[in-house]
Protein backbone atom coordinates (compact mmCIF):
# COMPACT_ATOMS: atom_id res chain seq x y z
CA MET A 1 109.18 81.41 226.22
CA GLN A 2 107.94 78.64 223.97
CA GLY A 3 105.09 77.90 226.37
CA THR A 4 103.92 81.40 226.14
CA VAL A 5 103.93 81.57 222.37
CA GLN A 6 101.85 78.28 222.47
CA LYS A 7 99.41 79.82 224.86
CA ILE A 8 99.05 82.84 222.56
CA ARG A 9 98.40 80.67 219.48
CA ASN A 10 95.95 78.59 221.56
CA THR A 11 94.01 81.66 222.43
CA ALA A 12 93.74 82.70 218.83
CA ARG A 13 92.60 79.26 217.95
CA ILE A 14 89.90 79.31 220.62
CA TYR A 15 88.29 82.49 219.44
CA SER A 16 88.66 81.51 215.76
CA GLN A 17 86.93 78.16 216.71
CA TYR A 18 84.15 80.25 218.46
CA ILE A 19 83.61 82.24 215.24
CA PHE A 20 83.70 79.20 213.08
CA SER A 21 81.22 77.24 215.33
CA ILE A 22 78.75 80.12 215.75
CA SER A 23 78.82 80.89 212.06
CA ILE A 24 77.96 77.30 211.17
CA PHE A 25 75.22 77.43 213.90
CA VAL A 26 73.70 80.38 211.90
CA ILE A 27 73.85 78.67 208.63
CA LYS A 28 72.34 75.55 209.92
CA ASN A 29 69.57 77.36 211.82
CA LYS A 30 68.62 80.24 209.33
CA HIS A 31 64.98 79.93 210.40
CA LEU A 32 65.84 81.33 213.74
CA PHE A 33 67.17 84.54 212.24
CA TYR A 34 65.69 87.40 210.35
CA THR A 35 67.46 89.61 207.73
CA ASN A 36 67.14 93.33 207.63
CA ASN A 37 64.87 93.11 204.44
CA GLN A 38 62.34 90.89 206.36
CA ILE A 39 62.00 93.41 208.95
CA HIS A 40 61.57 96.58 206.87
CA SER A 41 61.17 97.51 203.25
CA ILE A 42 63.99 100.09 203.11
CA HIS A 43 66.61 99.11 200.55
CA THR A 44 70.03 99.71 202.22
CA ARG A 45 73.39 98.16 201.64
CA PHE A 46 72.87 96.12 204.67
CA LYS A 47 69.57 94.63 203.77
CA ALA A 48 71.05 91.11 203.42
CA ASN A 49 72.51 91.41 206.84
CA LEU A 50 71.03 89.55 209.94
CA HIS A 51 68.74 91.85 211.81
CA PRO A 52 69.96 92.26 215.27
CA PRO A 53 67.32 91.96 217.99
CA THR A 54 66.54 94.86 220.07
CA ALA A 55 68.13 94.22 223.53
CA ASN A 56 68.55 96.45 226.53
CA LEU A 57 69.86 94.01 228.85
CA THR A 58 73.68 93.46 228.69
CA LYS A 59 73.25 89.81 229.61
CA PHE A 60 71.16 89.20 226.47
CA GLN A 61 73.69 91.26 224.51
CA LYS A 62 76.49 88.95 225.62
CA GLY A 63 74.41 85.80 224.87
CA VAL A 64 74.87 83.52 222.04
CA TYR A 65 72.02 84.66 219.89
CA TYR A 66 72.82 88.31 219.86
CA SER A 67 76.59 87.38 219.38
CA ALA A 68 75.89 85.21 216.51
CA VAL A 69 74.19 88.00 214.68
CA LYS A 70 76.93 90.31 215.21
CA ILE A 71 79.80 87.79 214.21
CA PHE A 72 77.83 86.64 211.20
CA ASN A 73 77.28 90.21 209.88
CA ASN A 74 81.01 91.08 210.33
CA LEU A 75 82.00 88.22 208.05
CA PRO A 76 83.76 89.32 204.78
CA HIS A 77 81.17 89.47 202.00
CA ASN A 78 82.74 86.88 199.88
CA ILE A 79 82.22 84.27 202.58
CA GLU A 80 78.66 85.58 203.46
CA ASP A 81 77.72 85.11 199.77
CA LEU A 82 78.40 81.45 200.30
CA ALA A 83 75.89 81.11 202.90
CA ASN A 84 73.60 78.80 200.85
CA GLU A 85 76.48 76.36 200.09
CA ILE A 86 77.47 75.03 203.37
CA ILE A 87 80.56 73.02 202.28
CA LEU A 88 82.00 76.05 200.37
CA PHE A 89 81.05 78.45 203.17
CA ARG A 90 82.91 76.11 205.66
CA ASN A 91 85.98 75.82 203.64
CA ALA A 92 86.07 79.63 202.95
CA LEU A 93 85.57 80.34 206.61
CA LYS A 94 88.28 78.05 207.63
CA ARG A 95 90.62 79.55 205.40
CA PHE A 96 89.93 83.07 206.41
CA LEU A 97 90.27 82.15 210.06
CA LEU A 98 93.55 80.52 209.44
CA ILE A 99 94.90 83.28 207.71
CA ASN A 100 93.53 86.02 210.17
CA SER A 101 94.20 84.92 213.82
CA PHE A 102 91.77 86.79 216.03
CA TYR A 103 92.78 86.92 219.83
CA ASN A 104 89.56 88.65 220.91
CA SER A 105 86.28 89.98 219.82
CA GLU A 106 87.59 93.56 219.38
CA GLU A 107 90.18 92.38 216.84
CA TYR A 108 87.52 90.51 214.89
CA PHE A 109 84.99 93.37 214.89
CA ASN A 110 87.65 95.83 213.91
CA TYR A 111 88.95 93.60 211.01
CA ARG A 112 86.57 95.07 208.40
CA ARG A 113 87.29 98.51 209.23
CA TYR A 114 91.08 98.03 208.93
CA SER A 115 90.80 95.99 205.77
CA ILE A 116 88.66 98.45 203.94
CA GLN A 117 91.11 101.23 204.65
CA ASN A 118 94.12 99.32 203.28
């Protein structure tokens, strides 16, 4: 039984590590990504989000670049706001991922929806 619990914890750590690594990649490589306000001049509440590239191929949508945009855009706003301060961003993201264990992408992408309702 204890081995099963450890495997479940490791699974959560692996996905959280993926979220952490890909978010740090985005921060360190901002020049590779565009925000919505760089693409169009319409002022929406999502204007500061990264602009997801148009992709028709599932292979591209499952790739790192596309996933990075989706993961970064789903971060809580208080962490996104720290994007210009890498040390503060890293610490806040670590804290967030330690408090919230995500076992798969579905849990992570549904997090905001559930937290807004509560």
